[in-house]
Amino acid sequence: MSQVLKTLDTLDTPSSASPFPASHPPDDDPAALAARYGLTVSGARPTLPAYVRQLWARRHFITAFATAKLTAQYSQAKLGQVWQVATPLLNAAVYYFIFGVLMGTSRGVPDYVPFLVTGVFVWTFTQSSIMAGTRAISGSLGLVRALHFPRAALPVSYALQQLQQLLFSMAALVVILLCFGVPVGVSWLLAVPTLALQFVFNAGVAMIVARLGARTPDIAQLMPFLLRTWMYVSGVMWSIDRVLSGHPDMPRVVLLALQCNPAAVYIDLMRFALIDSFHASQLPTHVWALAVGWALLAGVGGFIYFWKAEETYGRG
């Protein structure tokens, strides 16, 4: 009888042994469990080389997205895509009246109308790319949260959209150049590398402001004032070379700031390429090195800066 009672006690007493097999002990560490079952963090930042490969794999999406945004930009206007050319032309007309006629900045500048229109078109490319970049993430949260893709595709696509719009405007620019007697020359081919370098620069700056705008949306409200100030010191409506030659006592730091201003560098390179009266002597020293340097600094630096916050976009 006593043997039977001992057997029942043994069956009723909870076992202290673990219910898990010996080969799979319990583990409270989430990282160990994730590693064991091959789980990864959703939305984690990939390595930089992997990120570049992912972005290149989405190149068709970037192009299609930029084209769609450009097509839809003026879809509600009756003139439609005509505004792609009319907007910068109207801006140039306003600047010509204020600066060329009222303030007299056209005096001493040969071919002032082609000079002004070229500056306005090239500056608008940079201005619009940066403004679009500030809202690239904050204005596309639905897309960012719904789909998994490298977020750098958004600011790059917005910069590409502005490049496409500039190419439409360049057709009007060519007509203006011909109407004002500017001959077609071999130097026009220099417009291609100039635009390529400017695009890399614009895309890099767009990625920088996209990260800033994603964290602080108020950047989009501040940016127009910063860009307007930048425009006034970039020689869009006036000749930097003429002003510098008329003020030989100007402090050297101001001289270097005006000559090395990236917006002014790309504007003057485009003027040198398209306008025969704009000579190489009016360009700053080592202008092509400056153009390449700014493109690499902004393009590579902006890309890395944007990539470092990849896992934070669309959260919070």
C-alpha atoms as a PDB file:
ATOM      1  CA  MET A   1       0.000   0.000   0.000  1.00  0.00           C
ATOM      2  CA  SER A   2       2.791   2.388   0.934  1.00  0.00           C
ATOM      3  CA  GLN A   3       4.476   1.667  -2.396  1.00  0.00           C
ATOM      4  CA  VAL A   4       1.289   2.662  -4.240  1.00  0.00           C
ATOM      5  CA  LEU A   5       1.073   5.995  -2.330  1.00  0.00           C
ATOM      6  CA  LYS A   6       4.699   6.813  -3.211  1.00  0.00           C
ATOM      7  CA  THR A   7       3.935   6.187  -6.855  1.00  0.00           C
ATOM      8  CA  LEU A   8       0.896   8.563  -6.776  1.00  0.00           C
ATOM      9  CA  ASP A   9       2.929  11.283  -5.061  1.00  0.00           C
ATOM     10  CA  THR A  10       5.511  11.030  -7.793  1.00  0.00           C
ATOM     11  CA  LEU A  11       2.866  11.443 -10.512  1.00  0.00           C
ATOM     12  CA  ASP A  12       1.171  14.440  -8.806  1.00  0.00           C
ATOM     13  CA  THR A  13       4.366  16.398  -8.069  1.00  0.00           C
ATOM     14  CA  PRO A  14       5.237  18.912 -10.865  1.00  0.00           C
ATOM     15  CA  SER A  15       8.440  18.056 -12.561  1.00  0.00           C
ATOM     16  CA  SER A  16      11.316  20.511 -12.232  1.00  0.00           C
ATOM     17  CA  ALA A  17      12.668  19.425 -15.576  1.00  0.00           C
ATOM     18  CA  SER A  18      12.335  21.873 -18.510  1.00  0.00           C
ATOM     19  CA  PRO A  19       9.669  21.077 -21.104  1.00  0.00           C
ATOM     20  CA  PHE A  20      12.035  22.243 -23.863  1.00  0.00           C
ATOM     21  CA  PRO A  21      14.266  19.709 -25.546  1.00  0.00           C
ATOM     22  CA  ALA A  22      17.835  19.719 -24.395  1.00  0.00           C
ATOM     23  CA  SER A  23      18.987  20.978 -27.798  1.00  0.00           C
ATOM     24  CA  HIS A  24      16.808  24.150 -27.592  1.00  0.00           C
ATOM     25  CA  PRO A  25      17.102  25.682 -24.102  1.00  0.00           C
ATOM     26  CA  PRO A  26      14.855  28.668 -23.318  1.00  0.00           C
ATOM     27  CA  ASP A  27      16.480  32.019 -24.083  1.00  0.00           C
ATOM     28  CA  ASP A  28      15.127  35.430 -23.105  1.00  0.00           C
ATOM     29  CA  ASP A  29      17.518  37.354 -25.408  1.00  0.00           C
ATOM     30  CA  PRO A  30      15.525  38.608 -28.476  1.00  0.00           C
ATOM     31  CA  ALA A  31      18.714  38.990 -30.517  1.00  0.00           C
ATOM     32  CA  ALA A  32      19.626  35.344 -29.949  1.00  0.00           C
ATOM     33  CA  LEU A  33      16.130  34.197 -30.858  1.00  0.00           C
ATOM     34  CA  ALA A  34      16.172  36.332 -34.016  1.00  0.00           C
ATOM     35  CA  ALA A  35      19.561  34.957 -35.018  1.00  0.00           C
ATOM     36  CA  ARG A  36      18.429  31.371 -34.384  1.00  0.00           C
ATOM     37  CA  TYR A  37      15.354  31.657 -36.608  1.00  0.00           C
ATOM     38  CA  GLY A  38      16.844  33.916 -39.284  1.00  0.00           C
ATOM     39  CA  LEU A  39      14.789  37.001 -38.413  1.00  0.00           C
ATOM     40  CA  THR A  40      15.942  40.522 -39.330  1.00  0.00           C
ATOM     41  CA  VAL A  41      14.843  44.000 -38.276  1.00  0.00           C
ATOM     42  CA  SER A  42      12.195  45.433 -40.584  1.00  0.00           C
ATOM     43  CA  GLY A  43      13.395  48.636 -42.264  1.00  0.00           C
ATOM     44  CA  ALA A  44      16.959  48.334 -40.965  1.00  0.00           C
ATOM     45  CA  ARG A  45      19.567  50.417 -42.733  1.00  0.00           C
ATOM     46  CA  PRO A  46      21.543  48.340 -45.243  1.00  0.00           C
ATOM     47  CA  THR A  47      25.246  48.743 -45.786  1.00  0.00           C
ATOM     48  CA  LEU A  48      26.285  51.560 -48.082  1.00  0.00           C
ATOM     49  CA  PRO A  49      27.263  49.292 -51.021  1.00  0.00           C
ATOM     50  CA  ALA A  50      23.988  47.355 -50.663  1.00  0.00           C
ATOM     51  CA  TYR A  51      22.080  50.636 -50.537  1.00  0.00           C
ATOM     52  CA  VAL A  52      23.708  51.807 -53.759  1.00  0.00           C
ATOM     53  CA  ARG A  53      22.772  48.519 -55.441  1.00  0.00           C
ATOM     54  CA  GLN A  54      19.172  48.823 -54.228  1.00  0.00           C
ATOM     55  CA  LEU A  55      18.959  52.384 -55.549  1.00  0.00           C
ATOM     56  CA  TRP A  56      20.368  51.363 -58.933  1.00  0.00           C
ATOM     57  CA  ALA A  57      17.832  48.515 -59.108  1.00  0.00           C
ATOM     58  CA  ARG A  58      15.062  51.129 -58.690  1.00  0.00           C
ATOM     59  CA  ARG A  59      16.355  53.362 -61.497  1.00  0.00           C
ATOM     60  CA  HIS A  60      13.288  52.665 -63.666  1.00  0.00           C
ATOM     61  CA  PHE A  61      11.012  53.601 -60.772  1.00  0.00           C
ATOM     62  CA  ILE A  62      12.959  56.845 -60.266  1.00  0.00           C
ATOM     63  CA  THR A  63      12.601  57.804 -63.924  1.00  0.00           C
ATOM     64  CA  ALA A  64       8.916  56.878 -64.097  1.00  0.00           C
ATOM     65  CA  PHE A  65       8.141  58.687 -60.841  1.00  0.00           C
ATOM     66  CA  ALA A  66       9.899  61.869 -62.019  1.00  0.00           C
ATOM     67  CA  THR A  67       8.086  61.805 -65.374  1.00  0.00           C
ATOM     68  CA  ALA A  68       4.722  61.238 -63.712  1.00  0.00           C
ATOM     69  CA  LYS A  69       5.265  64.110 -61.283  1.00  0.00           C
ATOM     70  CA  LEU A  70       6.290  66.405 -64.140  1.00  0.00           C
ATOM     71  CA  THR A  71       3.228  65.467 -66.200  1.00  0.00           C
ATOM     72  CA  ALA A  72       0.876  65.969 -63.268  1.00  0.00           C
ATOM     73  CA  GLN A  73       2.442  69.255 -62.167  1.00  0.00           C
ATOM     74  CA  TYR A  74       0.315  71.451 -64.452  1.00  0.00           C
ATOM     75  CA  SER A  75      -2.483  68.996 -65.155  1.00  0.00           C
ATOM     76  CA  GLN A  76      -5.084  71.296 -63.573  1.00  0.00           C
ATOM     77  CA  ALA A  77      -4.004  74.369 -65.577  1.00  0.00           C
ATOM     78  CA  LYS A  78      -5.667  75.142 -68.899  1.00  0.00           C
ATOM     79  CA  LEU A  79      -2.325  75.809 -70.601  1.00  0.00           C
ATOM     80  CA  GLY A  80      -0.963  72.556 -69.200  1.00  0.00           C
ATOM     81  CA  GLN A  81       2.690  71.872 -69.916  1.00  0.00           C
ATOM     82  CA  VAL A  82       3.141  75.312 -71.534  1.00  0.00           C
ATOM     83  CA  TRP A  83       3.783  76.597 -68.007  1.00  0.00           C
ATOM     84  CA  GLN A  84       6.993  74.572 -67.914  1.00  0.00           C
ATOM     85  CA  VAL A  85       8.460  77.140 -70.296  1.00  0.00           C
ATOM     86  CA  ALA A  86       6.251  80.133 -69.474  1.00  0.00           C
ATOM     87  CA  THR A  87       7.121  80.233 -65.762  1.00  0.00           C
ATOM     88  CA  PRO A  88      10.892  80.795 -66.094  1.00  0.00           C
ATOM     89  CA  LEU A  89      10.301  83.155 -69.032  1.00  0.00           C
ATOM     90  CA  LEU A  90       7.955  85.298 -66.942  1.00  0.00           C
ATOM     91  CA  ASN A  91      10.468  85.316 -64.117  1.00  0.00           C
ATOM     92  CA  ALA A  92      13.146  86.459 -66.555  1.00  0.00           C
ATOM     93  CA  ALA A  93      10.870  89.240 -67.849  1.00  0.00           C
ATOM     94  CA  VAL A  94      10.253  90.511 -64.298  1.00  0.00           C
ATOM     95  CA  TYR A  95      13.960  90.427 -63.464  1.00  0.00           C
ATOM     96  CA  TYR A  96      14.799  92.213 -66.707  1.00  0.00           C
ATOM     97  CA  PHE A  97      12.379  95.040 -65.939  1.00  0.00           C
ATOM     98  CA  ILE A  98      13.545  95.459 -62.322  1.00  0.00           C
ATOM     99  CA  PHE A  99      17.277  94.869 -62.639  1.00  0.00           C
ATOM    100  CA  GLY A 100      17.979  95.521 -66.308  1.00  0.00           C
ATOM    101  CA  VAL A 101      15.776  98.597 -66.821  1.00  0.00           C
ATOM    102  CA  LEU A 102      15.143 100.184 -63.416  1.00  0.00           C
ATOM    103  CA  MET A 103      18.456  99.350 -61.708  1.00  0.00           C
ATOM    104  CA  GLY A 104      20.631  99.408 -64.825  1.00  0.00           C
ATOM    105  CA  THR A 105      22.530  96.183 -64.244  1.00  0.00           C
ATOM    106  CA  SER A 106      22.403  95.564 -67.992  1.00  0.00           C
ATOM    107  CA  ARG A 107      24.913  98.361 -68.674  1.00  0.00           C
ATOM    108  CA  GLY A 108      28.267  96.972 -69.686  1.00  0.00           C
ATOM    109  CA  VAL A 109      26.956  93.407 -70.071  1.00  0.00           C
ATOM    110  CA  PRO A 110      26.905  92.231 -73.724  1.00  0.00           C
ATOM    111  CA  ASP A 111      23.871  90.197 -74.806  1.00  0.00           C
ATOM    112  CA  TYR A 112      22.140  90.983 -71.536  1.00  0.00           C
ATOM    113  CA  VAL A 113      18.848  89.262 -72.374  1.00  0.00           C
ATOM    114  CA  PRO A 114      20.518  85.889 -73.213  1.00  0.00           C
ATOM    115  CA  PHE A 115      22.791  86.472 -70.208  1.00  0.00           C
ATOM    116  CA  LEU A 116      19.777  86.984 -67.915  1.00  0.00           C
ATOM    117  CA  VAL A 117      17.568  84.230 -69.314  1.00  0.00           C
ATOM    118  CA  THR A 118      20.380  81.665 -69.078  1.00  0.00           C
ATOM    119  CA  GLY A 119      21.013  82.637 -65.472  1.00  0.00           C
ATOM    120  CA  VAL A 120      17.318  82.442 -64.560  1.00  0.00           C
ATOM    121  CA  PHE A 121      16.833  79.029 -66.184  1.00  0.00           C
ATOM    122  CA  VAL A 122      19.921  77.482 -64.604  1.00  0.00           C
ATOM    123  CA  TRP A 123      19.177  78.982 -61.194  1.00  0.00           C
ATOM    124  CA  THR A 124      15.559  77.775 -61.333  1.00  0.00           C
ATOM    125  CA  PHE A 125      16.880  74.233 -61.804  1.00  0.00           C
ATOM    126  CA  THR A 126      18.822  74.422 -58.534  1.00  0.00           C
ATOM    127  CA  GLN A 127      16.119  76.309 -56.649  1.00  0.00           C
ATOM    128  CA  SER A 128      13.300  73.943 -57.643  1.00  0.00           C
ATOM    129  CA  SER A 129      15.362  70.821 -56.905  1.00  0.00           C
ATOM    130  CA  ILE A 130      16.136  71.999 -53.379  1.00  0.00           C
ATOM    131  CA  MET A 131      12.591  73.155 -52.670  1.00  0.00           C
ATOM    132  CA  ALA A 132      11.190  69.829 -53.868  1.00  0.00           C
ATOM    133  CA  GLY A 133      13.807  67.996 -51.811  1.00  0.00           C
ATOM    134  CA  THR A 134      12.649  69.580 -48.553  1.00  0.00           C
ATOM    135  CA  ARG A 135       9.286  67.816 -48.930  1.00  0.00           C
ATOM    136  CA  ALA A 136      10.562  64.624 -50.582  1.00  0.00           C
ATOM    137  CA  ILE A 137      10.004  62.540 -47.414  1.00  0.00           C
ATOM    138  CA  SER A 138       7.516  64.585 -45.400  1.00  0.00           C
ATOM    139  CA  GLY A 139       5.260  65.011 -48.430  1.00  0.00           C
ATOM    140  CA  SER A 140       5.339  61.314 -49.383  1.00  0.00           C
ATOM    141  CA  LEU A 141       4.741  59.618 -46.034  1.00  0.00           C
ATOM    142  CA  GLY A 142       2.001  57.397 -47.437  1.00  0.00           C
ATOM    143  CA  LEU A 143       4.386  55.982 -50.038  1.00  0.00           C
ATOM    144  CA  VAL A 144       7.259  55.721 -47.551  1.00  0.00           C
ATOM    145  CA  ARG A 145       5.179  53.802 -45.008  1.00  0.00           C
ATOM    146  CA  ALA A 146       3.438  51.551 -47.511  1.00  0.00           C
ATOM    147  CA  LEU A 147       6.366  50.326 -49.618  1.00  0.00           C
ATOM    148  CA  HIS A 148       9.898  49.187 -48.923  1.00  0.00           C
ATOM    149  CA  PHE A 149      12.434  50.888 -51.186  1.00  0.00           C
ATOM    150  CA  PRO A 150      15.573  53.022 -50.752  1.00  0.00           C
ATOM    151  CA  ARG A 151      14.244  56.400 -49.631  1.00  0.00           C
ATOM    152  CA  ALA A 152      16.960  58.236 -51.552  1.00  0.00           C
ATOM    153  CA  ALA A 153      14.943  57.433 -54.663  1.00  0.00           C
ATOM    154  CA  LEU A 154      12.523  60.229 -53.713  1.00  0.00           C
ATOM    155  CA  PRO A 155      14.884  63.262 -53.584  1.00  0.00           C
ATOM    156  CA  VAL A 156      16.785  61.938 -56.598  1.00  0.00           C
ATOM    157  CA  SER A 157      13.548  61.595 -58.579  1.00  0.00           C
ATOM    158  CA  TYR A 158      12.537  65.155 -57.679  1.00  0.00           C
ATOM    159  CA  ALA A 159      15.906  66.450 -58.888  1.00  0.00           C
ATOM    160  CA  LEU A 160      15.449  64.423 -62.082  1.00  0.00           C
ATOM    161  CA  GLN A 161      11.985  65.941 -62.521  1.00  0.00           C
ATOM    162  CA  GLN A 162      13.493  69.438 -62.402  1.00  0.00           C
ATOM    163  CA  LEU A 163      16.173  68.412 -64.905  1.00  0.00           C
ATOM    164  CA  GLN A 164      13.455  67.239 -67.284  1.00  0.00           C
ATOM    165  CA  GLN A 165      11.660  70.552 -66.862  1.00  0.00           C
ATOM    166  CA  LEU A 166      14.898  72.438 -67.550  1.00  0.00           C
ATOM    167  CA  LEU A 167      15.361  70.509 -70.785  1.00  0.00           C
ATOM    168  CA  PHE A 168      11.926  71.713 -71.916  1.00  0.00           C
ATOM    169  CA  SER A 169      12.950  75.266 -71.014  1.00  0.00           C
ATOM    170  CA  MET A 170      16.229  74.913 -72.898  1.00  0.00           C
ATOM    171  CA  ALA A 171      14.257  74.706 -76.144  1.00  0.00           C
ATOM    172  CA  ALA A 172      12.890  78.197 -75.443  1.00  0.00           C
ATOM    173  CA  LEU A 173      16.362  79.355 -74.418  1.00  0.00           C
ATOM    174  CA  VAL A 174      17.808  78.259 -77.771  1.00  0.00           C
ATOM    175  CA  VAL A 175      15.126  80.251 -79.587  1.00  0.00           C
ATOM    176  CA  ILE A 176      15.941  83.347 -77.505  1.00  0.00           C
ATOM    177  CA  LEU A 177      19.662  82.975 -78.182  1.00  0.00           C
ATOM    178  CA  LEU A 178      19.090  82.731 -81.920  1.00  0.00           C
ATOM    179  CA  CYS A 179      16.662  85.671 -81.934  1.00  0.00           C
ATOM    180  CA  PHE A 180      19.280  87.875 -80.244  1.00  0.00           C
ATOM    181  CA  GLY A 181      21.975  86.919 -82.719  1.00  0.00           C
ATOM    182  CA  VAL A 182      23.930  84.418 -80.650  1.00  0.00           C
ATOM    183  CA  PRO A 183      25.426  81.927 -83.109  1.00  0.00           C
ATOM    184  CA  VAL A 184      25.445  78.172 -82.651  1.00  0.00           C
ATOM    185  CA  GLY A 185      28.928  77.010 -81.719  1.00  0.00           C
ATOM    186  CA  VAL A 186      30.880  73.938 -80.747  1.00  0.00           C
ATOM    187  CA  SER A 187      31.043  75.328 -77.221  1.00  0.00           C
ATOM    188  CA  TRP A 188      27.328  74.508 -76.857  1.00  0.00           C
ATOM    189  CA  LEU A 189      28.405  70.908 -76.251  1.00  0.00           C
ATOM    190  CA  LEU A 190      29.854  72.049 -72.920  1.00  0.00           C
ATOM    191  CA  ALA A 191      26.278  72.451 -71.707  1.00  0.00           C
ATOM    192  CA  VAL A 192      26.019  68.656 -71.368  1.00  0.00           C
ATOM    193  CA  PRO A 193      28.774  68.121 -68.742  1.00  0.00           C
ATOM    194  CA  THR A 194      27.704  71.349 -67.013  1.00  0.00           C
ATOM    195  CA  LEU A 195      24.147  70.086 -66.593  1.00  0.00           C
ATOM    196  CA  ALA A 196      25.375  66.647 -65.507  1.00  0.00           C
ATOM    197  CA  LEU A 197      27.555  68.150 -62.770  1.00  0.00           C
ATOM    198  CA  GLN A 198      24.795  70.512 -61.690  1.00  0.00           C
ATOM    199  CA  PHE A 199      22.332  67.621 -61.476  1.00  0.00           C
ATOM    200  CA  VAL A 200      24.663  65.687 -59.162  1.00  0.00           C
ATOM    201  CA  PHE A 201      25.092  68.798 -57.021  1.00  0.00           C
ATOM    202  CA  ASN A 202      21.335  69.473 -56.906  1.00  0.00           C
ATOM    203  CA  ALA A 203      20.495  65.855 -56.069  1.00  0.00           C
ATOM    204  CA  GLY A 204      23.043  65.871 -53.239  1.00  0.00           C
ATOM    205  CA  VAL A 205      21.674  69.068 -51.714  1.00  0.00           C
ATOM    206  CA  ALA A 206      18.120  67.738 -52.187  1.00  0.00           C
ATOM    207  CA  MET A 207      19.037  64.648 -50.141  1.00  0.00           C
ATOM    208  CA  ILE A 208      20.491  66.826 -47.380  1.00  0.00           C
ATOM    209  CA  VAL A 209      17.391  68.999 -47.081  1.00  0.00           C
ATOM    210  CA  ALA A 210      15.158  65.914 -47.452  1.00  0.00           C
ATOM    211  CA  ARG A 211      16.636  64.453 -44.252  1.00  0.00           C
ATOM    212  CA  LEU A 212      16.377  67.823 -42.493  1.00  0.00           C
ATOM    213  CA  GLY A 213      12.804  68.289 -43.722  1.00  0.00           C
ATOM    214  CA  ALA A 214      11.794  64.807 -42.597  1.00  0.00           C
ATOM    215  CA  ARG A 215      12.871  65.638 -39.048  1.00  0.00           C
ATOM    216  CA  THR A 216      11.869  69.332 -39.006  1.00  0.00           C
ATOM    217  CA  PRO A 217       9.049  70.191 -41.456  1.00  0.00           C
ATOM    218  CA  ASP A 218       9.510  73.915 -40.732  1.00  0.00           C
ATOM    219  CA  ILE A 219      12.608  73.799 -42.951  1.00  0.00           C
ATOM    220  CA  ALA A 220      10.249  74.008 -45.941  1.00  0.00           C
ATOM    221  CA  GLN A 221       8.981  77.368 -44.668  1.00  0.00           C
ATOM    222  CA  LEU A 222      12.469  78.761 -44.125  1.00  0.00           C
ATOM    223  CA  MET A 223      13.987  77.533 -47.389  1.00  0.00           C
ATOM    224  CA  PRO A 224      12.434  80.166 -49.747  1.00  0.00           C
ATOM    225  CA  PHE A 225      14.144  82.958 -47.794  1.00  0.00           C
ATOM    226  CA  LEU A 226      17.501  81.186 -47.861  1.00  0.00           C
ATOM    227  CA  LEU A 227      17.209  80.453 -51.575  1.00  0.00           C
ATOM    228  CA  ARG A 228      16.206  84.038 -52.395  1.00  0.00           C
ATOM    229  CA  THR A 229      19.294  85.318 -50.583  1.00  0.00           C
ATOM    230  CA  TRP A 230      21.453  82.765 -52.368  1.00  0.00           C
ATOM    231  CA  MET A 231      20.026  83.852 -55.726  1.00  0.00           C
ATOM    232  CA  TYR A 232      20.921  87.513 -55.173  1.00  0.00           C
ATOM    233  CA  VAL A 233      24.585  86.683 -54.560  1.00  0.00           C
ATOM    234  CA  SER A 234      24.857  84.182 -57.432  1.00  0.00           C
ATOM    235  CA  GLY A 235      25.008  86.623 -60.337  1.00  0.00           C
ATOM    236  CA  VAL A 236      21.693  85.614 -61.835  1.00  0.00           C
ATOM    237  CA  MET A 237      20.752  89.196 -62.767  1.00  0.00           C
ATOM    238  CA  TRP A 238      24.165  90.848 -62.698  1.00  0.00           C
ATOM    239  CA  SER A 239      27.725  90.081 -63.762  1.00  0.00           C
ATOM    240  CA  ILE A 240      29.977  88.969 -60.916  1.00  0.00           C
ATOM    241  CA  ASP A 241      33.083  89.635 -63.022  1.00  0.00           C
ATOM    242  CA  ARG A 242      31.967  93.206 -63.768  1.00  0.00           C
ATOM    243  CA  VAL A 243      31.235  93.955 -60.102  1.00  0.00           C
ATOM    244  CA  LEU A 244      34.539  92.494 -58.943  1.00  0.00           C
ATOM    245  CA  SER A 245      36.532  94.443 -61.544  1.00  0.00           C
ATOM    246  CA  GLY A 246      34.809  97.654 -60.411  1.00  0.00           C
ATOM    247  CA  HIS A 247      35.683  97.057 -56.747  1.00  0.00           C
ATOM    248  CA  PRO A 248      39.389  96.109 -56.589  1.00  0.00           C
ATOM    249  CA  ASP A 249      39.457  96.852 -52.843  1.00  0.00           C
ATOM    250  CA  MET A 250      36.871  94.184 -52.047  1.00  0.00           C
ATOM    251  CA  PRO A 251      37.951  91.880 -49.173  1.00  0.00           C
ATOM    252  CA  ARG A 252      39.465  88.653 -50.429  1.00  0.00           C
ATOM    253  CA  VAL A 253      37.068  86.474 -48.438  1.00  0.00           C
ATOM    254  CA  VAL A 254      34.114  88.137 -50.189  1.00  0.00           C
ATOM    255  CA  LEU A 255      35.866  87.736 -53.544  1.00  0.00           C
ATOM    256  CA  LEU A 256      36.415  84.013 -52.981  1.00  0.00           C
ATOM    257  CA  ALA A 257      32.864  83.498 -51.698  1.00  0.00           C
ATOM    258  CA  LEU A 258      31.390  85.064 -54.847  1.00  0.00           C
ATOM    259  CA  GLN A 259      33.694  83.227 -57.239  1.00  0.00           C
ATOM    260  CA  CYS A 260      33.400  79.825 -55.545  1.00  0.00           C
ATOM    261  CA  ASN A 261      29.631  80.023 -55.046  1.00  0.00           C
ATOM    262  CA  PRO A 262      28.430  76.721 -56.590  1.00  0.00           C
ATOM    263  CA  ALA A 263      25.286  78.253 -58.102  1.00  0.00           C
ATOM    264  CA  ALA A 264      27.360  80.993 -59.749  1.00  0.00           C
ATOM    265  CA  VAL A 265      29.879  78.421 -61.011  1.00  0.00           C
ATOM    266  CA  TYR A 266      27.234  76.411 -62.884  1.00  0.00           C
ATOM    267  CA  ILE A 267      25.464  79.534 -64.158  1.00  0.00           C
ATOM    268  CA  ASP A 268      28.666  81.038 -65.549  1.00  0.00           C
ATOM    269  CA  LEU A 269      29.733  77.729 -67.103  1.00  0.00           C
ATOM    270  CA  MET A 270      26.399  77.554 -68.920  1.00  0.00           C
ATOM    271  CA  ARG A 271      26.789  81.158 -70.085  1.00  0.00           C
ATOM    272  CA  PHE A 272      30.289  80.404 -71.313  1.00  0.00           C
ATOM    273  CA  ALA A 273      28.981  77.375 -73.210  1.00  0.00           C
ATOM    274  CA  LEU A 274      26.046  79.141 -74.907  1.00  0.00           C
ATOM    275  CA  ILE A 275      26.898  82.844 -75.245  1.00  0.00           C
ATOM    276  CA  ASP A 276      29.854  83.720 -77.447  1.00  0.00           C
ATOM    277  CA  SER A 277      30.290  87.166 -75.848  1.00  0.00           C
ATOM    278  CA  PHE A 278      30.822  85.550 -72.440  1.00  0.00           C
ATOM    279  CA  HIS A 279      34.569  84.839 -72.446  1.00  0.00           C
ATOM    280  CA  ALA A 280      36.751  82.474 -70.443  1.00  0.00           C
ATOM    281  CA  SER A 281      38.368  85.475 -68.725  1.00  0.00           C
ATOM    282  CA  GLN A 282      35.049  86.074 -66.934  1.00  0.00           C
ATOM    283  CA  LEU A 283      35.158  82.654 -65.308  1.00  0.00           C
ATOM    284  CA  PRO A 284      36.838  82.078 -61.940  1.00  0.00           C
ATOM    285  CA  THR A 285      40.179  80.306 -61.835  1.00  0.00           C
ATOM    286  CA  HIS A 286      39.973  76.501 -62.035  1.00  0.00           C
ATOM    287  CA  VAL A 287      36.247  76.706 -62.758  1.00  0.00           C
ATOM    288  CA  TRP A 288      35.913  73.098 -63.934  1.00  0.00           C
ATOM    289  CA  ALA A 289      37.701  71.854 -60.816  1.00  0.00           C
ATOM    290  CA  LEU A 290      35.245  73.874 -58.748  1.00  0.00           C
ATOM    291  CA  ALA A 291      32.290  72.443 -60.659  1.00  0.00           C
ATOM    292  CA  VAL A 292      33.487  68.843 -60.200  1.00  0.00           C
ATOM    293  CA  GLY A 293      34.448  69.444 -56.568  1.00  0.00           C
ATOM    294  CA  TRP A 294      31.045  70.881 -55.628  1.00  0.00           C
ATOM    295  CA  ALA A 295      29.275  68.018 -57.428  1.00  0.00           C
ATOM    296  CA  LEU A 296      31.315  65.378 -55.581  1.00  0.00           C
ATOM    297  CA  LEU A 297      31.066  67.120 -52.222  1.00  0.00           C
ATOM    298  CA  ALA A 298      27.306  67.598 -52.397  1.00  0.00           C
ATOM    299  CA  GLY A 299      26.522  64.386 -54.292  1.00  0.00           C
ATOM    300  CA  VAL A 300      28.590  61.924 -52.261  1.00  0.00           C
ATOM    301  CA  GLY A 301      28.328  63.787 -48.965  1.00  0.00           C
ATOM    302  CA  GLY A 302      24.586  64.322 -49.310  1.00  0.00           C
ATOM    303  CA  PHE A 303      24.022  60.676 -50.233  1.00  0.00           C
ATOM    304  CA  ILE A 304      25.915  59.383 -47.187  1.00  0.00           C
ATOM    305  CA  TYR A 305      24.226  61.913 -44.909  1.00  0.00           C
ATOM    306  CA  PHE A 306      20.800  60.809 -46.158  1.00  0.00           C
ATOM    307  CA  TRP A 307      21.658  57.085 -45.949  1.00  0.00           C
ATOM    308  CA  LYS A 308      22.688  57.337 -42.279  1.00  0.00           C
ATOM    309  CA  ALA A 309      19.068  58.130 -41.324  1.00  0.00           C
ATOM    310  CA  GLU A 310      17.449  55.610 -43.682  1.00  0.00           C
ATOM    311  CA  GLU A 311      15.711  53.589 -40.941  1.00  0.00           C
ATOM    312  CA  THR A 312      14.095  56.702 -39.387  1.00  0.00           C
ATOM    313  CA  TYR A 313      12.127  57.941 -42.410  1.00  0.00           C
ATOM    314  CA  GLY A 314       8.372  57.563 -42.064  1.00  0.00           C
ATOM    315  CA  ARG A 315       8.497  56.680 -38.373  1.00  0.00           C
ATOM    316  CA  GLY A 316       7.226  58.613 -35.391  1.00  0.00           C
END
